[in-house]
């Protein structure tokens, strides 16, 4: 009678390895992270520009700015519920912000690991190096101030006199506090530095870098950052100098 060993052991079944979803593989690569960081950066740049342009209604009068604020709440009605568009926009921006930070952080880690294993590329300040060296602290500071700005002007829990549905009055009340206005100006100067490096490097992240267009990229980055900084900083300055005040 043959034993089991004599008959021969039955070969073990190999465990099937499920292939990863291709988007996860793409995001796991350095090229994918650069692309995600660039695309989310474009989304955030677009929001920052639109937000600044919308706040320019402050220079008209309280009615115009309050009407603009109410208009944003009604976009998409009746297909969307009241403020539905704003919540979709907020959700998209939150996801863009999370992926922007995560892709920058993980790409930095990948670059450090590659240098430890013999990376010879030198300190080329591409997108990841900007995020790691020149944009890291400005991004953190600006991120926290955006949170405070939302608490102060959107949720009404920042300490200023807040009336729901009256963005003009809320903005003036907030910037009448000089420490808040000064911090807002400093945060926007840091934001400008962040935008400059981000706008410069996003073309490289998308594989569109060409030495022939470097000067054009620099002008674009400088101009975009300057527009945002000048526009945003003008709001607290206008309130502190009395150019913009509460309606009589």
C-alpha atoms as a PDB file:
ATOM      1  CA  UNK A   1       0.000   0.000   0.000  1.00  0.00           C
ATOM      2  CA  UNK A   2       1.465   3.302  -1.077  1.00  0.00           C
ATOM      3  CA  UNK A   3       1.861   6.068   1.428  1.00  0.00           C
ATOM      4  CA  UNK A   4       0.964   9.629   0.728  1.00  0.00           C
ATOM      5  CA  UNK A   5       4.620  10.437   0.291  1.00  0.00           C
ATOM      6  CA  UNK A   6       5.020   7.640  -2.209  1.00  0.00           C
ATOM      7  CA  UNK A   7       2.052   8.771  -4.227  1.00  0.00           C
ATOM      8  CA  UNK A   8       3.491  12.215  -4.400  1.00  0.00           C
ATOM      9  CA  UNK A   9       2.305  15.304  -2.636  1.00  0.00           C
ATOM     10  CA  UNK A  10      -0.478  17.217  -4.270  1.00  0.00           C
ATOM     11  CA  UNK A  11       0.868  20.544  -5.523  1.00  0.00           C
ATOM     12  CA  UNK A  12      -0.259  23.535  -3.514  1.00  0.00           C
ATOM     13  CA  UNK A  13      -2.575  25.945  -5.199  1.00  0.00           C
ATOM     14  CA  UNK A  14      -0.952  29.273  -5.883  1.00  0.00           C
ATOM     15  CA  UNK A  15      -2.832  32.179  -4.440  1.00  0.00           C
ATOM     16  CA  UNK A  16      -4.071  34.486  -7.132  1.00  0.00           C
ATOM     17  CA  UNK A  17      -2.918  38.038  -6.816  1.00  0.00           C
ATOM     18  CA  UNK A  18      -5.611  40.428  -7.829  1.00  0.00           C
ATOM     19  CA  UNK A  19      -4.364  43.135 -10.149  1.00  0.00           C
ATOM     20  CA  UNK A  20      -4.592  46.622  -8.728  1.00  0.00           C
ATOM     21  CA  UNK A  21      -6.901  49.131 -10.303  1.00  0.00           C
ATOM     22  CA  UNK A  22      -4.905  51.001 -12.944  1.00  0.00           C
ATOM     23  CA  UNK A  23      -5.604  54.388 -11.341  1.00  0.00           C
ATOM     24  CA  UNK A  24      -3.961  53.192  -8.114  1.00  0.00           C
ATOM     25  CA  UNK A  25      -0.926  51.996 -10.075  1.00  0.00           C
ATOM     26  CA  UNK A  26      -0.773  55.331 -11.882  1.00  0.00           C
ATOM     27  CA  UNK A  27      -1.039  57.331  -8.660  1.00  0.00           C
ATOM     28  CA  UNK A  28       1.587  55.102  -7.056  1.00  0.00           C
ATOM     29  CA  UNK A  29       4.163  56.217  -9.620  1.00  0.00           C
ATOM     30  CA  UNK A  30       6.140  59.445  -9.522  1.00  0.00           C
ATOM     31  CA  UNK A  31       4.624  60.539 -12.832  1.00  0.00           C
ATOM     32  CA  UNK A  32       1.103  59.949 -11.512  1.00  0.00           C
ATOM     33  CA  UNK A  33       1.750  61.913  -8.329  1.00  0.00           C
ATOM     34  CA  UNK A  34       3.173  64.819 -10.312  1.00  0.00           C
ATOM     35  CA  UNK A  35       0.133  64.803 -12.589  1.00  0.00           C
ATOM     36  CA  UNK A  36      -2.296  64.700  -9.644  1.00  0.00           C
ATOM     37  CA  UNK A  37      -0.421  67.488  -7.888  1.00  0.00           C
ATOM     38  CA  UNK A  38      -0.537  69.610 -11.044  1.00  0.00           C
ATOM     39  CA  UNK A  39      -4.236  69.002 -11.798  1.00  0.00           C
ATOM     40  CA  UNK A  40      -5.335  69.638  -8.211  1.00  0.00           C
ATOM     41  CA  UNK A  41      -3.095  72.694  -8.190  1.00  0.00           C
ATOM     42  CA  UNK A  42      -4.894  74.052 -11.246  1.00  0.00           C
ATOM     43  CA  UNK A  43      -8.234  73.472  -9.522  1.00  0.00           C
ATOM     44  CA  UNK A  44      -7.086  75.321  -6.412  1.00  0.00           C
ATOM     45  CA  UNK A  45      -5.582  78.165  -8.460  1.00  0.00           C
ATOM     46  CA  UNK A  46      -8.871  78.548 -10.307  1.00  0.00           C
ATOM     47  CA  UNK A  47     -10.792  78.718  -7.038  1.00  0.00           C
ATOM     48  CA  UNK A  48      -8.412  81.274  -5.526  1.00  0.00           C
ATOM     49  CA  UNK A  49      -8.776  83.496  -8.598  1.00  0.00           C
ATOM     50  CA  UNK A  50     -12.582  83.158  -8.706  1.00  0.00           C
ATOM     51  CA  UNK A  51     -12.839  83.844  -4.963  1.00  0.00           C
ATOM     52  CA  UNK A  52     -10.742  86.988  -5.248  1.00  0.00           C
ATOM     53  CA  UNK A  53     -12.714  88.275  -8.245  1.00  0.00           C
ATOM     54  CA  UNK A  54     -15.993  87.630  -6.431  1.00  0.00           C
ATOM     55  CA  UNK A  55     -14.841  89.610  -3.406  1.00  0.00           C
ATOM     56  CA  UNK A  56     -14.224  92.618  -5.653  1.00  0.00           C
ATOM     57  CA  UNK A  57     -17.976  93.237  -5.367  1.00  0.00           C
ATOM     58  CA  UNK A  58     -17.081  94.727  -2.006  1.00  0.00           C
ATOM     59  CA  UNK A  59     -15.901  97.850  -3.850  1.00  0.00           C
ATOM     60  CA  UNK A  60     -19.376  98.368  -5.309  1.00  0.00           C
ATOM     61  CA  UNK A  61     -21.562  98.356  -2.226  1.00  0.00           C
ATOM     62  CA  UNK A  62     -23.153  96.065   0.353  1.00  0.00           C
ATOM     63  CA  UNK A  63     -26.165  95.250  -1.833  1.00  0.00           C
ATOM     64  CA  UNK A  64     -24.057  94.070  -4.764  1.00  0.00           C
ATOM     65  CA  UNK A  65     -21.846  91.843  -2.646  1.00  0.00           C
ATOM     66  CA  UNK A  66     -24.726  90.407  -0.624  1.00  0.00           C
ATOM     67  CA  UNK A  67     -26.632  89.733  -3.847  1.00  0.00           C
ATOM     68  CA  UNK A  68     -23.569  87.956  -5.242  1.00  0.00           C
ATOM     69  CA  UNK A  69     -23.362  85.815  -2.107  1.00  0.00           C
ATOM     70  CA  UNK A  70     -27.022  84.844  -2.434  1.00  0.00           C
ATOM     71  CA  UNK A  71     -26.565  84.117  -6.134  1.00  0.00           C
ATOM     72  CA  UNK A  72     -23.875  81.532  -5.301  1.00  0.00           C
ATOM     73  CA  UNK A  73     -26.358  79.751  -3.037  1.00  0.00           C
ATOM     74  CA  UNK A  74     -28.953  79.471  -5.817  1.00  0.00           C
ATOM     75  CA  UNK A  75     -26.762  78.136  -8.643  1.00  0.00           C
ATOM     76  CA  UNK A  76     -28.274  74.972 -10.090  1.00  0.00           C
ATOM     77  CA  UNK A  77     -31.779  75.457  -8.714  1.00  0.00           C
ATOM     78  CA  UNK A  78     -34.263  73.803  -9.049  1.00  0.00           C
ATOM     79  CA  UNK A  79     -32.217  70.785 -10.195  1.00  0.00           C
ATOM     80  CA  UNK A  80     -30.011  71.160  -7.135  1.00  0.00           C
ATOM     81  CA  UNK A  81     -31.273  72.084  -3.672  1.00  0.00           C
ATOM     82  CA  UNK A  82     -30.514  75.485  -2.179  1.00  0.00           C
ATOM     83  CA  UNK A  83     -26.722  75.763  -1.608  1.00  0.00           C
ATOM     84  CA  UNK A  84     -26.313  72.375  -3.322  1.00  0.00           C
ATOM     85  CA  UNK A  85     -23.799  73.728  -5.829  1.00  0.00           C
ATOM     86  CA  UNK A  86     -21.725  75.287  -3.035  1.00  0.00           C
ATOM     87  CA  UNK A  87     -21.542  71.992  -1.158  1.00  0.00           C
ATOM     88  CA  UNK A  88     -20.473  70.146  -4.314  1.00  0.00           C
ATOM     89  CA  UNK A  89     -17.827  72.807  -4.886  1.00  0.00           C
ATOM     90  CA  UNK A  90     -16.637  72.580  -1.276  1.00  0.00           C
ATOM     91  CA  UNK A  91     -16.416  68.794  -1.438  1.00  0.00           C
ATOM     92  CA  UNK A  92     -14.409  68.970  -4.658  1.00  0.00           C
ATOM     93  CA  UNK A  93     -12.043  71.567  -3.207  1.00  0.00           C
ATOM     94  CA  UNK A  94     -11.525  69.532  -0.028  1.00  0.00           C
ATOM     95  CA  UNK A  95     -10.641  66.446  -2.079  1.00  0.00           C
ATOM     96  CA  UNK A  96      -8.345  68.511  -4.303  1.00  0.00           C
ATOM     97  CA  UNK A  97      -6.632  69.968  -1.234  1.00  0.00           C
ATOM     98  CA  UNK A  98      -6.161  66.521   0.338  1.00  0.00           C
ATOM     99  CA  UNK A  99      -4.764  64.944  -2.825  1.00  0.00           C
ATOM    100  CA  UNK A 100      -2.563  67.979  -3.468  1.00  0.00           C
ATOM    101  CA  UNK A 101      -0.938  67.656  -0.054  1.00  0.00           C
ATOM    102  CA  UNK A 102      -0.739  63.849  -0.137  1.00  0.00           C
ATOM    103  CA  UNK A 103       0.814  63.709  -3.609  1.00  0.00           C
ATOM    104  CA  UNK A 104       3.385  66.364  -2.675  1.00  0.00           C
ATOM    105  CA  UNK A 105       4.310  64.623   0.598  1.00  0.00           C
ATOM    106  CA  UNK A 106       4.567  61.117  -0.855  1.00  0.00           C
ATOM    107  CA  UNK A 107       6.478  62.359  -3.893  1.00  0.00           C
ATOM    108  CA  UNK A 108       8.971  64.018  -1.553  1.00  0.00           C
ATOM    109  CA  UNK A 109       9.423  60.713   0.302  1.00  0.00           C
ATOM    110  CA  UNK A 110       9.964  58.885  -2.992  1.00  0.00           C
ATOM    111  CA  UNK A 111      12.599  61.419  -4.035  1.00  0.00           C
ATOM    112  CA  UNK A 112      14.446  61.065  -0.727  1.00  0.00           C
ATOM    113  CA  UNK A 113      14.413  57.280  -1.020  1.00  0.00           C
ATOM    114  CA  UNK A 114      15.717  57.420  -4.581  1.00  0.00           C
ATOM    115  CA  UNK A 115      18.586  59.676  -3.518  1.00  0.00           C
ATOM    116  CA  UNK A 116      19.559  57.179  -0.791  1.00  0.00           C
ATOM    117  CA  UNK A 117      19.813  54.445  -3.410  1.00  0.00           C
ATOM    118  CA  UNK A 118      22.127  56.327  -5.703  1.00  0.00           C
ATOM    119  CA  UNK A 119      20.060  59.104  -7.225  1.00  0.00           C
ATOM    120  CA  UNK A 120      22.444  61.431  -9.089  1.00  0.00           C
ATOM    121  CA  UNK A 121      20.067  64.082 -10.318  1.00  0.00           C
ATOM    122  CA  UNK A 122      21.248  66.792  -7.969  1.00  0.00           C
ATOM    123  CA  UNK A 123      19.023  69.336  -6.314  1.00  0.00           C
ATOM    124  CA  UNK A 124      16.784  70.156  -9.234  1.00  0.00           C
ATOM    125  CA  UNK A 125      13.904  72.167  -7.869  1.00  0.00           C
ATOM    126  CA  UNK A 126      11.046  70.413  -9.627  1.00  0.00           C
ATOM    127  CA  UNK A 127       7.503  70.180  -8.277  1.00  0.00           C
ATOM    128  CA  UNK A 128       8.281  67.848  -5.375  1.00  0.00           C
ATOM    129  CA  UNK A 129      11.273  69.873  -4.210  1.00  0.00           C
ATOM    130  CA  UNK A 130       9.201  73.055  -4.243  1.00  0.00           C
ATOM    131  CA  UNK A 131       6.621  71.406  -2.021  1.00  0.00           C
ATOM    132  CA  UNK A 132       9.278  69.994   0.296  1.00  0.00           C
ATOM    133  CA  UNK A 133      11.628  72.975   0.614  1.00  0.00           C
ATOM    134  CA  UNK A 134      10.035  76.272  -0.381  1.00  0.00           C
ATOM    135  CA  UNK A 135       6.308  75.583  -0.177  1.00  0.00           C
ATOM    136  CA  UNK A 136       6.033  73.308   2.855  1.00  0.00           C
ATOM    137  CA  UNK A 137       5.632  75.875   5.616  1.00  0.00           C
ATOM    138  CA  UNK A 138       3.791  78.454   3.537  1.00  0.00           C
ATOM    139  CA  UNK A 139       1.290  75.771   2.507  1.00  0.00           C
ATOM    140  CA  UNK A 140       0.701  74.719   6.127  1.00  0.00           C
ATOM    141  CA  UNK A 141       0.293  78.309   7.320  1.00  0.00           C
ATOM    142  CA  UNK A 142      -2.049  79.241   4.477  1.00  0.00           C
ATOM    143  CA  UNK A 143      -4.053  76.052   5.045  1.00  0.00           C
ATOM    144  CA  UNK A 144      -4.658  76.868   8.693  1.00  0.00           C
ATOM    145  CA  UNK A 145      -5.576  80.456   7.876  1.00  0.00           C
ATOM    146  CA  UNK A 146      -8.075  79.300   5.266  1.00  0.00           C
ATOM    147  CA  UNK A 147      -9.668  77.204   8.007  1.00  0.00           C
ATOM    148  CA  UNK A 148      -9.850  80.241  10.286  1.00  0.00           C
ATOM    149  CA  UNK A 149     -11.207  82.348   7.414  1.00  0.00           C
ATOM    150  CA  UNK A 150     -14.001  79.824   6.898  1.00  0.00           C
ATOM    151  CA  UNK A 151     -14.774  79.803  10.615  1.00  0.00           C
ATOM    152  CA  UNK A 152     -14.798  83.589  10.689  1.00  0.00           C
ATOM    153  CA  UNK A 153     -16.742  84.392   7.520  1.00  0.00           C
ATOM    154  CA  UNK A 154     -18.659  81.243   6.571  1.00  0.00           C
ATOM    155  CA  UNK A 155     -19.511  79.441   9.802  1.00  0.00           C
ATOM    156  CA  UNK A 156     -19.595  82.475  12.089  1.00  0.00           C
ATOM    157  CA  UNK A 157     -17.490  80.989  14.896  1.00  0.00           C
ATOM    158  CA  UNK A 158     -14.316  83.076  14.580  1.00  0.00           C
ATOM    159  CA  UNK A 159     -15.186  85.814  17.024  1.00  0.00           C
ATOM    160  CA  UNK A 160     -16.346  88.588  14.683  1.00  0.00           C
ATOM    161  CA  UNK A 161     -19.899  89.974  14.463  1.00  0.00           C
ATOM    162  CA  UNK A 162     -21.524  87.571  12.050  1.00  0.00           C
ATOM    163  CA  UNK A 163     -24.868  87.732  10.260  1.00  0.00           C
ATOM    164  CA  UNK A 164     -25.811  84.884   7.981  1.00  0.00           C
ATOM    165  CA  UNK A 165     -26.474  86.007   4.415  1.00  0.00           C
ATOM    166  CA  UNK A 166     -24.595  89.330   4.694  1.00  0.00           C
ATOM    167  CA  UNK A 167     -21.031  88.696   3.441  1.00  0.00           C
ATOM    168  CA  UNK A 168     -20.292  92.415   3.025  1.00  0.00           C
ATOM    169  CA  UNK A 169     -20.979  93.252   6.661  1.00  0.00           C
ATOM    170  CA  UNK A 170     -19.207  90.092   7.843  1.00  0.00           C
ATOM    171  CA  UNK A 171     -16.093  90.934   5.833  1.00  0.00           C
ATOM    172  CA  UNK A 172     -15.954  94.493   7.143  1.00  0.00           C
ATOM    173  CA  UNK A 173     -16.495  93.383  10.738  1.00  0.00           C
ATOM    174  CA  UNK A 174     -13.714  90.815  10.402  1.00  0.00           C
ATOM    175  CA  UNK A 175     -11.127  93.180   8.914  1.00  0.00           C
ATOM    176  CA  UNK A 176     -11.921  95.928  11.375  1.00  0.00           C
ATOM    177  CA  UNK A 177      -9.935  93.803  13.828  1.00  0.00           C
ATOM    178  CA  UNK A 178      -6.419  94.935  12.940  1.00  0.00           C
ATOM    179  CA  UNK A 179      -4.594  91.770  14.156  1.00  0.00           C
ATOM    180  CA  UNK A 180      -6.807  89.622  11.919  1.00  0.00           C
ATOM    181  CA  UNK A 181      -6.290  91.966   8.976  1.00  0.00           C
ATOM    182  CA  UNK A 182      -2.500  91.931   9.426  1.00  0.00           C
ATOM    183  CA  UNK A 183      -2.385  88.147   9.693  1.00  0.00           C
ATOM    184  CA  UNK A 184      -4.571  87.946   6.566  1.00  0.00           C
ATOM    185  CA  UNK A 185      -2.092  90.108   4.659  1.00  0.00           C
ATOM    186  CA  UNK A 186       0.866  88.004   5.818  1.00  0.00           C
ATOM    187  CA  UNK A 187      -0.982  84.795   4.902  1.00  0.00           C
ATOM    188  CA  UNK A 188      -1.620  86.150   1.416  1.00  0.00           C
ATOM    189  CA  UNK A 189       2.038  87.059   0.952  1.00  0.00           C
ATOM    190  CA  UNK A 190       2.873  83.442   1.794  1.00  0.00           C
ATOM    191  CA  UNK A 191       0.075  82.346  -0.530  1.00  0.00           C
ATOM    192  CA  UNK A 192       1.643  84.420  -3.288  1.00  0.00           C
ATOM    193  CA  UNK A 193       4.988  82.657  -2.832  1.00  0.00           C
ATOM    194  CA  UNK A 194       3.180  79.307  -2.830  1.00  0.00           C
ATOM    195  CA  UNK A 195       1.273  80.223  -6.003  1.00  0.00           C
ATOM    196  CA  UNK A 196       4.393  81.472  -7.772  1.00  0.00           C
ATOM    197  CA  UNK A 197       6.313  78.245  -7.263  1.00  0.00           C
ATOM    198  CA  UNK A 198       3.225  76.133  -7.931  1.00  0.00           C
ATOM    199  CA  UNK A 199       2.289  77.921 -11.150  1.00  0.00           C
ATOM    200  CA  UNK A 200       5.899  77.689 -12.320  1.00  0.00           C
ATOM    201  CA  UNK A 201       6.286  73.976 -11.592  1.00  0.00           C
ATOM    202  CA  UNK A 202       2.880  72.665 -12.709  1.00  0.00           C
ATOM    203  CA  UNK A 203       3.928  72.810 -16.378  1.00  0.00           C
ATOM    204  CA  UNK A 204       6.902  70.623 -15.566  1.00  0.00           C
ATOM    205  CA  UNK A 205       4.685  68.238 -13.618  1.00  0.00           C
ATOM    206  CA  UNK A 206       2.451  67.855 -16.680  1.00  0.00           C
ATOM    207  CA  UNK A 207       5.456  67.237 -18.927  1.00  0.00           C
ATOM    208  CA  UNK A 208       5.030  70.552 -20.730  1.00  0.00           C
ATOM    209  CA  UNK A 209       8.357  72.081 -19.710  1.00  0.00           C
ATOM    210  CA  UNK A 210      10.492  73.440 -22.508  1.00  0.00           C
ATOM    211  CA  UNK A 211      13.499  75.758 -22.090  1.00  0.00           C
ATOM    212  CA  UNK A 212      12.143  77.963 -24.862  1.00  0.00           C
ATOM    213  CA  UNK A 213       9.070  78.781 -22.747  1.00  0.00           C
ATOM    214  CA  UNK A 214      10.769  79.182 -19.366  1.00  0.00           C
ATOM    215  CA  UNK A 215      10.607  82.970 -19.535  1.00  0.00           C
ATOM    216  CA  UNK A 216       6.913  82.814 -20.415  1.00  0.00           C
ATOM    217  CA  UNK A 217       6.287  80.403 -17.523  1.00  0.00           C
ATOM    218  CA  UNK A 218       8.075  82.761 -15.150  1.00  0.00           C
ATOM    219  CA  UNK A 219       6.019  85.771 -16.298  1.00  0.00           C
ATOM    220  CA  UNK A 220       2.806  83.772 -15.976  1.00  0.00           C
ATOM    221  CA  UNK A 221       3.652  82.595 -12.452  1.00  0.00           C
ATOM    222  CA  UNK A 222       4.702  86.085 -11.316  1.00  0.00           C
ATOM    223  CA  UNK A 223       1.643  87.756 -12.846  1.00  0.00           C
ATOM    224  CA  UNK A 224      -0.848  85.244 -11.461  1.00  0.00           C
ATOM    225  CA  UNK A 225       0.642  85.406  -7.971  1.00  0.00           C
ATOM    226  CA  UNK A 226       0.754  89.217  -8.062  1.00  0.00           C
ATOM    227  CA  UNK A 227      -2.901  89.490  -9.110  1.00  0.00           C
ATOM    228  CA  UNK A 228      -4.029  87.242  -6.253  1.00  0.00           C
ATOM    229  CA  UNK A 229      -1.867  88.926  -3.609  1.00  0.00           C
ATOM    230  CA  UNK A 230      -2.721  92.492  -4.628  1.00  0.00           C
ATOM    231  CA  UNK A 231      -6.425  91.738  -4.902  1.00  0.00           C
ATOM    232  CA  UNK A 232      -6.696  89.889  -1.589  1.00  0.00           C
ATOM    233  CA  UNK A 233      -4.494  92.285   0.370  1.00  0.00           C
ATOM    234  CA  UNK A 234      -6.518  95.238  -0.891  1.00  0.00           C
ATOM    235  CA  UNK A 235      -9.590  94.072   1.057  1.00  0.00           C
ATOM    236  CA  UNK A 236      -8.258  94.433   4.619  1.00  0.00           C
ATOM    237  CA  UNK A 237      -6.336  97.579   3.638  1.00  0.00           C
ATOM    238  CA  UNK A 238      -9.535  99.143   2.257  1.00  0.00           C
ATOM    239  CA  UNK A 239     -11.376  98.364   5.496  1.00  0.00           C
ATOM    240  CA  UNK A 240      -8.591  99.562   7.820  1.00  0.00           C
ATOM    241  CA  UNK A 241      -8.195 102.844   5.899  1.00  0.00           C
ATOM    242  CA  UNK A 242     -11.957 103.502   5.832  1.00  0.00           C
ATOM    243  CA  UNK A 243     -12.244 103.237   2.053  1.00  0.00           C
ATOM    244  CA  UNK A 244     -14.791 100.456   2.647  1.00  0.00           C
ATOM    245  CA  UNK A 245     -17.093 100.793   5.640  1.00  0.00           C
ATOM    246  CA  UNK A 246     -20.405  99.551   6.935  1.00  0.00           C
ATOM    247  CA  UNK A 247     -23.484 101.066   5.273  1.00  0.00           C
ATOM    248  CA  UNK A 248     -24.963 103.999   7.148  1.00  0.00           C
END
